[in-house]
């Protein structure tokens, strides 16, 4: 299973990153383990990830590597 994360494309959000920052994504993982004989009670666990966000590189690529 996977969960997509969408980061805002809002101009205000993007312009707030003038230098690298770390943001924390928080959530709750719900799961139920089973083996060949039985399924155990459902469980939940709080999870979080620290993600480093860097500002957009707004400089033009060097001419030698530009697509033409």
C-alpha atoms as a PDB file:
ATOM      1  CA  UNK A   1       0.000   0.000   0.000  1.00  0.00           C
ATOM      2  CA  UNK A   2       1.135   3.550  -0.584  1.00  0.00           C
ATOM      3  CA  UNK A   3      -0.164   7.026   0.076  1.00  0.00           C
ATOM      4  CA  UNK A   4       0.567   9.919  -2.246  1.00  0.00           C
ATOM      5  CA  UNK A   5       1.490  13.253  -0.717  1.00  0.00           C
ATOM      6  CA  UNK A   6       0.622  16.444  -2.564  1.00  0.00           C
ATOM      7  CA  UNK A   7       2.591  19.592  -1.885  1.00  0.00           C
ATOM      8  CA  UNK A   8       0.845  22.866  -2.583  1.00  0.00           C
ATOM      9  CA  UNK A   9       1.613  24.527  -5.904  1.00  0.00           C
ATOM     10  CA  UNK A  10       0.254  27.786  -4.527  1.00  0.00           C
ATOM     11  CA  UNK A  11       2.557  30.695  -5.353  1.00  0.00           C
ATOM     12  CA  UNK A  12       2.607  31.797  -1.697  1.00  0.00           C
ATOM     13  CA  UNK A  13       3.774  28.365  -0.541  1.00  0.00           C
ATOM     14  CA  UNK A  14       6.449  28.060  -3.228  1.00  0.00           C
ATOM     15  CA  UNK A  15       7.816  31.571  -2.652  1.00  0.00           C
ATOM     16  CA  UNK A  16       8.095  30.855   1.090  1.00  0.00           C
ATOM     17  CA  UNK A  17      11.036  28.546   0.322  1.00  0.00           C
ATOM     18  CA  UNK A  18      13.868  30.966  -0.332  1.00  0.00           C
ATOM     19  CA  UNK A  19      16.234  28.568   1.406  1.00  0.00           C
ATOM     20  CA  UNK A  20      16.131  24.858   2.224  1.00  0.00           C
ATOM     21  CA  UNK A  21      13.776  23.859   5.039  1.00  0.00           C
ATOM     22  CA  UNK A  22      12.693  20.647   6.662  1.00  0.00           C
ATOM     23  CA  UNK A  23       8.981  19.959   6.866  1.00  0.00           C
ATOM     24  CA  UNK A  24       7.375  17.163   8.865  1.00  0.00           C
ATOM     25  CA  UNK A  25       4.708  14.914   7.385  1.00  0.00           C
ATOM     26  CA  UNK A  26       2.578  13.301  10.101  1.00  0.00           C
ATOM     27  CA  UNK A  27      -0.021  10.584   9.926  1.00  0.00           C
ATOM     28  CA  UNK A  28      -1.442   7.435  11.433  1.00  0.00           C
ATOM     29  CA  UNK A  29      -0.777   3.967  10.047  1.00  0.00           C
ATOM     30  CA  UNK A  30      -3.668   1.524  10.539  1.00  0.00           C
ATOM     31  CA  UNK A  31      -2.799  -2.138  10.036  1.00  0.00           C
ATOM     32  CA  UNK A  32      -3.823  -5.689  10.888  1.00  0.00           C
ATOM     33  CA  UNK A  33      -1.347  -8.556  10.918  1.00  0.00           C
ATOM     34  CA  UNK A  34      -2.367 -12.092  10.032  1.00  0.00           C
ATOM     35  CA  UNK A  35      -0.480 -15.374  10.007  1.00  0.00           C
ATOM     36  CA  UNK A  36      -1.474 -18.761   8.627  1.00  0.00           C
ATOM     37  CA  UNK A  37      -3.787 -19.432  11.601  1.00  0.00           C
ATOM     38  CA  UNK A  38      -5.404 -16.176  12.672  1.00  0.00           C
ATOM     39  CA  UNK A  39      -5.643 -12.444  12.269  1.00  0.00           C
ATOM     40  CA  UNK A  40      -4.667 -10.252  15.187  1.00  0.00           C
ATOM     41  CA  UNK A  41      -6.554  -7.232  16.445  1.00  0.00           C
ATOM     42  CA  UNK A  42      -6.183  -4.118  14.281  1.00  0.00           C
ATOM     43  CA  UNK A  43      -3.497  -1.726  15.458  1.00  0.00           C
ATOM     44  CA  UNK A  44      -2.502   1.836  14.756  1.00  0.00           C
ATOM     45  CA  UNK A  45       0.778   3.644  14.991  1.00  0.00           C
ATOM     46  CA  UNK A  46       1.606   7.331  14.741  1.00  0.00           C
ATOM     47  CA  UNK A  47       4.228   7.960  12.060  1.00  0.00           C
ATOM     48  CA  UNK A  48       6.134  10.992  10.828  1.00  0.00           C
ATOM     49  CA  UNK A  49       8.776  11.769   8.238  1.00  0.00           C
ATOM     50  CA  UNK A  50      11.090  14.761   8.042  1.00  0.00           C
ATOM     51  CA  UNK A  51      11.447  15.865   4.429  1.00  0.00           C
ATOM     52  CA  UNK A  52      13.994  18.404   3.269  1.00  0.00           C
ATOM     53  CA  UNK A  53      12.489  20.874   0.782  1.00  0.00           C
ATOM     54  CA  UNK A  54      14.754  23.014  -1.359  1.00  0.00           C
ATOM     55  CA  UNK A  55      13.736  26.095  -3.338  1.00  0.00           C
ATOM     56  CA  UNK A  56      13.202  25.918  -7.078  1.00  0.00           C
ATOM     57  CA  UNK A  57      16.309  26.535  -9.145  1.00  0.00           C
ATOM     58  CA  UNK A  58      15.193  29.523 -11.191  1.00  0.00           C
ATOM     59  CA  UNK A  59      18.485  30.015 -13.032  1.00  0.00           C
ATOM     60  CA  UNK A  60      18.707  28.988 -16.643  1.00  0.00           C
ATOM     61  CA  UNK A  61      20.640  25.794 -17.359  1.00  0.00           C
ATOM     62  CA  UNK A  62      24.113  26.304 -18.866  1.00  0.00           C
ATOM     63  CA  UNK A  63      23.891  26.562 -22.662  1.00  0.00           C
ATOM     64  CA  UNK A  64      25.835  23.334 -23.165  1.00  0.00           C
ATOM     65  CA  UNK A  65      23.084  21.227 -21.570  1.00  0.00           C
ATOM     66  CA  UNK A  66      19.984  23.122 -22.735  1.00  0.00           C
ATOM     67  CA  UNK A  67      17.440  21.241 -24.861  1.00  0.00           C
ATOM     68  CA  UNK A  68      17.074  22.839 -28.259  1.00  0.00           C
END
